[in-house]
Amino acid sequence: MEQLNRIELRGIVGTVRYQPFEDRAVCNFSLATSYVYKNRDGDPVIETQWHSVNAWEGKAMPDLSKIGKGTKLYVVGRLRSQKYVDNDGVERTSYEVAASQVTILDQQGQLQYEM
């Protein structure tokens, strides 16, 4: 059986950390996605989820230095987990998206710039 680990997200960037290196750069950013539904009373409810994304400069990547707070992005990648022990000695797991493709969208959420 073929295994699949793929995630696609379209959302708005929160915090950004861009680090250029000698050969290529890395950009770590948070991405907010929202899901809207109606509760039992018919009132709209917005559920926002924050994702941690890690993108390395290269093929299928735009100029990562153009990504800033409020930028709308479409991200394709894989889900990656890391286990660690916090300061209190409790083992925890964090999840991040290892991006393989990042597309910058315009204000209406349409394709603006793609590599």
N, C-alpha and C. Protein backbone atom coordinates (compact mmCIF):
# COMPACT_ATOMS: atom_id res chain seq x y z
N MET A 1 0.83 -1.17 0.00
CA MET A 1 0.00 0.00 0.00
C MET A 1 0.89 1.25 0.00
N GLU A 2 0.54 2.23 -0.83
CA GLU A 2 1.28 3.48 -0.90
C GLU A 2 0.94 4.36 0.29
N GLN A 3 1.94 4.97 0.89
CA GLN A 3 1.70 5.85 2.02
C GLN A 3 1.69 7.30 1.55
N LEU A 4 0.94 8.12 2.21
CA LEU A 4 0.79 9.51 1.80
C LEU A 4 0.85 10.43 3.01
N ASN A 5 1.72 11.42 2.94
CA ASN A 5 1.82 12.44 3.97
C ASN A 5 1.87 13.78 3.24
N ARG A 6 0.71 14.38 3.01
CA ARG A 6 0.60 15.61 2.25
C ARG A 6 -0.40 16.53 2.94
N ILE A 7 -0.05 17.79 3.01
CA ILE A 7 -0.94 18.78 3.59
C ILE A 7 -0.97 20.00 2.67
N GLU A 8 -2.15 20.56 2.48
CA GLU A 8 -2.34 21.77 1.68
C GLU A 8 -3.05 22.79 2.56
N LEU A 9 -2.50 23.99 2.63
CA LEU A 9 -3.06 25.04 3.46
C LEU A 9 -3.15 26.34 2.67
N ARG A 10 -4.20 27.09 2.91
CA ARG A 10 -4.33 28.44 2.36
C ARG A 10 -4.73 29.33 3.51
N GLY A 11 -3.88 30.31 3.82
CA GLY A 11 -4.16 31.15 4.97
C GLY A 11 -3.35 32.42 4.98
N ILE A 12 -3.33 33.05 6.14
CA ILE A 12 -2.68 34.34 6.33
C ILE A 12 -1.51 34.18 7.30
N VAL A 13 -0.37 34.79 6.95
CA VAL A 13 0.85 34.68 7.74
C VAL A 13 0.75 35.53 9.01
N GLY A 14 1.22 34.96 10.11
CA GLY A 14 1.32 35.68 11.38
C GLY A 14 2.76 36.12 11.59
N THR A 15 3.46 35.43 12.46
CA THR A 15 4.86 35.78 12.72
C THR A 15 5.76 35.17 11.66
N VAL A 16 6.86 35.87 11.37
CA VAL A 16 7.81 35.42 10.34
C VAL A 16 9.23 35.55 10.86
N ARG A 17 10.04 34.54 10.58
CA ARG A 17 11.48 34.61 10.86
C ARG A 17 12.22 34.14 9.61
N TYR A 18 12.90 35.06 8.93
CA TYR A 18 13.64 34.78 7.70
C TYR A 18 15.12 34.77 8.02
N GLN A 19 15.83 33.68 7.65
CA GLN A 19 17.25 33.56 7.94
C GLN A 19 18.01 33.22 6.66
N PRO A 20 18.74 34.19 6.09
CA PRO A 20 19.56 33.88 4.92
C PRO A 20 20.87 33.20 5.35
N PHE A 21 21.27 32.20 4.59
CA PHE A 21 22.55 31.53 4.80
C PHE A 21 23.39 31.73 3.54
N GLU A 22 24.60 31.18 3.51
CA GLU A 22 25.48 31.36 2.36
C GLU A 22 24.90 30.78 1.07
N ASP A 23 24.36 29.56 1.13
CA ASP A 23 23.89 28.90 -0.09
C ASP A 23 22.39 29.08 -0.33
N ARG A 24 21.57 29.12 0.73
CA ARG A 24 20.13 29.33 0.59
C ARG A 24 19.55 29.78 1.92
N ALA A 25 18.30 30.23 1.89
CA ALA A 25 17.67 30.79 3.09
C ALA A 25 16.54 29.88 3.57
N VAL A 26 16.18 30.09 4.83
CA VAL A 26 15.05 29.37 5.42
C VAL A 26 14.08 30.41 5.99
N CYS A 27 12.80 30.12 5.89
CA CYS A 27 11.77 31.00 6.42
C CYS A 27 10.84 30.16 7.30
N ASN A 28 10.75 30.53 8.56
CA ASN A 28 9.83 29.89 9.49
C ASN A 28 8.71 30.88 9.77
N PHE A 29 7.47 30.45 9.61
CA PHE A 29 6.36 31.36 9.83
C PHE A 29 5.15 30.60 10.34
N SER A 30 4.24 31.34 10.97
CA SER A 30 2.98 30.76 11.40
C SER A 30 1.93 31.14 10.36
N LEU A 31 1.00 30.21 10.12
CA LEU A 31 -0.04 30.42 9.12
C LEU A 31 -1.39 30.15 9.76
N ALA A 32 -2.29 31.12 9.67
CA ALA A 32 -3.63 30.98 10.24
C ALA A 32 -4.61 30.52 9.17
N THR A 33 -5.35 29.45 9.46
CA THR A 33 -6.42 29.00 8.58
C THR A 33 -7.71 29.06 9.38
N SER A 34 -8.81 29.36 8.70
CA SER A 34 -10.10 29.50 9.38
C SER A 34 -11.14 28.58 8.77
N TYR A 35 -12.02 28.09 9.63
CA TYR A 35 -13.14 27.25 9.22
C TYR A 35 -14.40 27.90 9.77
N VAL A 36 -15.37 28.17 8.90
CA VAL A 36 -16.59 28.84 9.31
C VAL A 36 -17.75 27.85 9.23
N TYR A 37 -18.55 27.82 10.30
CA TYR A 37 -19.74 26.98 10.32
C TYR A 37 -20.81 27.67 11.16
N LYS A 38 -22.01 27.15 11.12
CA LYS A 38 -23.11 27.71 11.91
C LYS A 38 -23.41 26.79 13.09
N ASN A 39 -23.60 27.38 14.25
CA ASN A 39 -23.92 26.58 15.44
C ASN A 39 -25.41 26.22 15.43
N ARG A 40 -25.88 25.62 16.50
CA ARG A 40 -27.28 25.16 16.58
C ARG A 40 -28.28 26.31 16.44
N ASP A 41 -27.88 27.49 16.88
CA ASP A 41 -28.77 28.64 16.81
C ASP A 41 -28.72 29.34 15.45
N GLY A 42 -27.86 28.86 14.56
CA GLY A 42 -27.73 29.45 13.24
C GLY A 42 -26.75 30.61 13.17
N ASP A 43 -26.04 30.85 14.26
CA ASP A 43 -25.05 31.93 14.28
C ASP A 43 -23.73 31.43 13.70
N PRO A 44 -23.05 32.25 12.90
CA PRO A 44 -21.77 31.82 12.34
C PRO A 44 -20.68 31.75 13.41
N VAL A 45 -19.86 30.72 13.32
CA VAL A 45 -18.74 30.52 14.24
C VAL A 45 -17.47 30.39 13.40
N ILE A 46 -16.44 31.15 13.75
CA ILE A 46 -15.17 31.08 13.03
C ILE A 46 -14.17 30.36 13.93
N GLU A 47 -13.62 29.27 13.42
CA GLU A 47 -12.63 28.47 14.15
C GLU A 47 -11.29 28.66 13.45
N THR A 48 -10.33 29.28 14.15
CA THR A 48 -9.01 29.56 13.56
C THR A 48 -7.98 28.60 14.12
N GLN A 49 -7.17 28.05 13.24
CA GLN A 49 -6.10 27.12 13.60
C GLN A 49 -4.77 27.72 13.14
N TRP A 50 -3.76 27.69 14.00
CA TRP A 50 -2.43 28.19 13.64
C TRP A 50 -1.51 27.02 13.33
N HIS A 51 -0.76 27.14 12.25
CA HIS A 51 0.18 26.10 11.80
C HIS A 51 1.58 26.68 11.76
N SER A 52 2.55 25.89 12.15
CA SER A 52 3.94 26.27 12.07
C SER A 52 4.50 25.71 10.76
N VAL A 53 5.10 26.58 9.93
CA VAL A 53 5.59 26.18 8.61
C VAL A 53 7.07 26.48 8.50
N ASN A 54 7.81 25.55 7.88
CA ASN A 54 9.24 25.67 7.66
C ASN A 54 9.48 25.54 6.15
N ALA A 55 10.02 26.60 5.50
CA ALA A 55 10.24 26.59 4.05
C ALA A 55 11.68 26.96 3.74
N TRP A 56 12.35 26.13 2.93
CA TRP A 56 13.72 26.40 2.48
C TRP A 56 13.67 26.94 1.07
N GLU A 57 14.52 27.92 0.77
CA GLU A 57 14.60 28.48 -0.57
C GLU A 57 15.02 27.41 -1.56
N GLY A 58 14.45 27.45 -2.75
CA GLY A 58 14.82 26.49 -3.77
C GLY A 58 13.72 26.33 -4.78
N LYS A 59 13.68 25.17 -5.39
CA LYS A 59 12.68 24.88 -6.41
C LYS A 59 11.27 24.98 -5.83
N ALA A 60 10.34 25.53 -6.60
CA ALA A 60 8.93 25.69 -6.23
C ALA A 60 8.74 26.66 -5.07
N MET A 61 9.71 27.55 -4.86
CA MET A 61 9.60 28.53 -3.79
C MET A 61 9.75 29.93 -4.36
N PRO A 62 8.92 30.87 -3.91
CA PRO A 62 9.11 32.26 -4.32
C PRO A 62 10.26 32.87 -3.52
N ASP A 63 10.51 34.14 -3.70
CA ASP A 63 11.50 34.84 -2.88
C ASP A 63 10.94 34.90 -1.46
N LEU A 64 11.48 34.11 -0.57
CA LEU A 64 10.94 33.99 0.79
C LEU A 64 11.05 35.29 1.59
N SER A 65 11.93 36.19 1.17
CA SER A 65 12.06 37.46 1.89
C SER A 65 10.84 38.35 1.66
N LYS A 66 9.99 38.03 0.67
CA LYS A 66 8.77 38.81 0.39
C LYS A 66 7.63 38.43 1.33
N ILE A 67 7.79 37.36 2.08
CA ILE A 67 6.74 36.91 2.99
C ILE A 67 6.79 37.74 4.27
N GLY A 68 5.66 38.35 4.60
CA GLY A 68 5.58 39.16 5.80
C GLY A 68 4.25 38.93 6.49
N LYS A 69 4.09 39.54 7.64
CA LYS A 69 2.85 39.41 8.40
C LYS A 69 1.69 39.91 7.53
N GLY A 70 0.62 39.11 7.44
CA GLY A 70 -0.55 39.47 6.66
C GLY A 70 -0.54 38.96 5.23
N THR A 71 0.58 38.39 4.78
CA THR A 71 0.66 37.85 3.42
C THR A 71 -0.23 36.62 3.31
N LYS A 72 -0.99 36.54 2.21
CA LYS A 72 -1.83 35.37 1.97
C LYS A 72 -1.02 34.35 1.18
N LEU A 73 -1.01 33.10 1.67
CA LEU A 73 -0.19 32.05 1.06
C LEU A 73 -0.99 30.78 0.82
N TYR A 74 -0.54 30.03 -0.18
CA TYR A 74 -0.98 28.66 -0.41
C TYR A 74 0.26 27.80 -0.22
N VAL A 75 0.20 26.85 0.70
CA VAL A 75 1.36 26.03 1.07
C VAL A 75 1.04 24.56 0.85
N VAL A 76 1.98 23.85 0.21
CA VAL A 76 1.90 22.40 0.05
C VAL A 76 3.13 21.82 0.72
N GLY A 77 2.94 20.76 1.49
CA GLY A 77 4.08 20.15 2.16
C GLY A 77 3.69 18.87 2.86
N ARG A 78 4.49 18.51 3.85
CA ARG A 78 4.22 17.29 4.61
C ARG A 78 4.24 17.64 6.10
N LEU A 79 3.49 16.87 6.87
CA LEU A 79 3.41 17.08 8.31
C LEU A 79 4.56 16.36 8.98
N ARG A 80 5.24 17.07 9.88
CA ARG A 80 6.39 16.50 10.58
C ARG A 80 6.22 16.74 12.08
N SER A 81 6.52 15.72 12.88
CA SER A 81 6.39 15.86 14.34
C SER A 81 7.76 15.74 14.99
N GLN A 82 7.91 16.41 16.13
CA GLN A 82 9.14 16.34 16.91
C GLN A 82 8.78 16.19 18.37
N LYS A 83 9.41 15.23 19.03
CA LYS A 83 9.21 15.04 20.46
C LYS A 83 10.34 15.72 21.22
N TYR A 84 9.96 16.32 22.37
CA TYR A 84 10.95 16.98 23.21
C TYR A 84 10.47 16.94 24.65
N VAL A 85 11.36 17.24 25.56
CA VAL A 85 11.04 17.29 26.98
C VAL A 85 11.08 18.75 27.41
N ASP A 86 9.98 19.25 27.99
CA ASP A 86 9.91 20.66 28.38
C ASP A 86 10.66 20.89 29.69
N ASN A 87 10.65 22.12 30.17
CA ASN A 87 11.39 22.49 31.39
C ASN A 87 10.90 21.77 32.63
N ASP A 88 9.64 21.31 32.62
CA ASP A 88 9.09 20.60 33.77
C ASP A 88 9.32 19.09 33.68
N GLY A 89 10.03 18.62 32.64
CA GLY A 89 10.31 17.21 32.49
C GLY A 89 9.19 16.43 31.80
N VAL A 90 8.21 17.14 31.24
CA VAL A 90 7.09 16.47 30.56
C VAL A 90 7.42 16.31 29.09
N GLU A 91 7.22 15.09 28.57
CA GLU A 91 7.48 14.85 27.15
C GLU A 91 6.33 15.42 26.32
N ARG A 92 6.66 16.23 25.34
CA ARG A 92 5.65 16.87 24.49
C ARG A 92 5.98 16.59 23.03
N THR A 93 4.97 16.82 22.17
CA THR A 93 5.13 16.66 20.73
C THR A 93 4.68 17.94 20.04
N SER A 94 5.51 18.43 19.13
CA SER A 94 5.12 19.60 18.34
C SER A 94 5.02 19.17 16.88
N TYR A 95 4.17 19.86 16.13
CA TYR A 95 3.95 19.53 14.73
C TYR A 95 4.26 20.75 13.88
N GLU A 96 4.88 20.52 12.73
CA GLU A 96 5.15 21.58 11.78
C GLU A 96 4.96 21.07 10.37
N VAL A 97 4.75 22.00 9.46
CA VAL A 97 4.61 21.67 8.04
C VAL A 97 5.95 21.95 7.37
N ALA A 98 6.54 20.93 6.77
CA ALA A 98 7.76 21.09 5.97
C ALA A 98 7.30 21.40 4.55
N ALA A 99 7.38 22.66 4.15
CA ALA A 99 6.82 23.11 2.88
C ALA A 99 7.67 22.65 1.70
N SER A 100 7.01 22.15 0.67
CA SER A 100 7.69 21.81 -0.58
C SER A 100 7.30 22.79 -1.69
N GLN A 101 6.20 23.53 -1.47
CA GLN A 101 5.76 24.54 -2.44
C GLN A 101 5.05 25.65 -1.69
N VAL A 102 5.42 26.89 -1.99
CA VAL A 102 4.77 28.06 -1.40
C VAL A 102 4.37 28.98 -2.54
N THR A 103 3.12 29.41 -2.52
CA THR A 103 2.61 30.33 -3.54
C THR A 103 2.05 31.56 -2.84
N ILE A 104 2.49 32.75 -3.26
CA ILE A 104 1.99 34.00 -2.70
C ILE A 104 0.70 34.35 -3.44
N LEU A 105 -0.36 34.64 -2.69
CA LEU A 105 -1.65 35.00 -3.26
C LEU A 105 -1.87 36.50 -3.13
N ASP A 106 -2.75 37.06 -3.98
CA ASP A 106 -3.07 38.48 -3.87
C ASP A 106 -4.13 38.69 -2.79
N GLN A 107 -4.62 39.91 -2.64
CA GLN A 107 -5.56 40.23 -1.57
C GLN A 107 -6.88 39.47 -1.67
N GLN A 108 -7.29 39.07 -2.88
CA GLN A 108 -8.52 38.32 -3.05
C GLN A 108 -8.30 36.81 -2.93
N GLY A 109 -7.06 36.38 -2.64
CA GLY A 109 -6.77 34.97 -2.50
C GLY A 109 -6.48 34.29 -3.82
N GLN A 110 -6.24 35.08 -4.88
CA GLN A 110 -5.92 34.53 -6.19
C GLN A 110 -4.41 34.43 -6.36
N LEU A 111 -3.97 33.59 -7.28
CA LEU A 111 -2.55 33.40 -7.55
C LEU A 111 -1.91 34.70 -7.97
N GLN A 112 -0.84 35.07 -7.28
CA GLN A 112 -0.13 36.31 -7.60
C GLN A 112 1.27 36.00 -8.11
N TYR A 113 1.97 35.13 -7.41
CA TYR A 113 3.36 34.85 -7.75
C TYR A 113 3.64 33.40 -7.47
N GLU A 114 4.14 32.69 -8.48
CA GLU A 114 4.44 31.28 -8.30
C GLU A 114 5.75 30.99 -8.98
N MET A 115 6.53 30.14 -8.38
CA MET A 115 7.81 29.71 -8.93
C MET A 115 7.62 28.45 -9.71
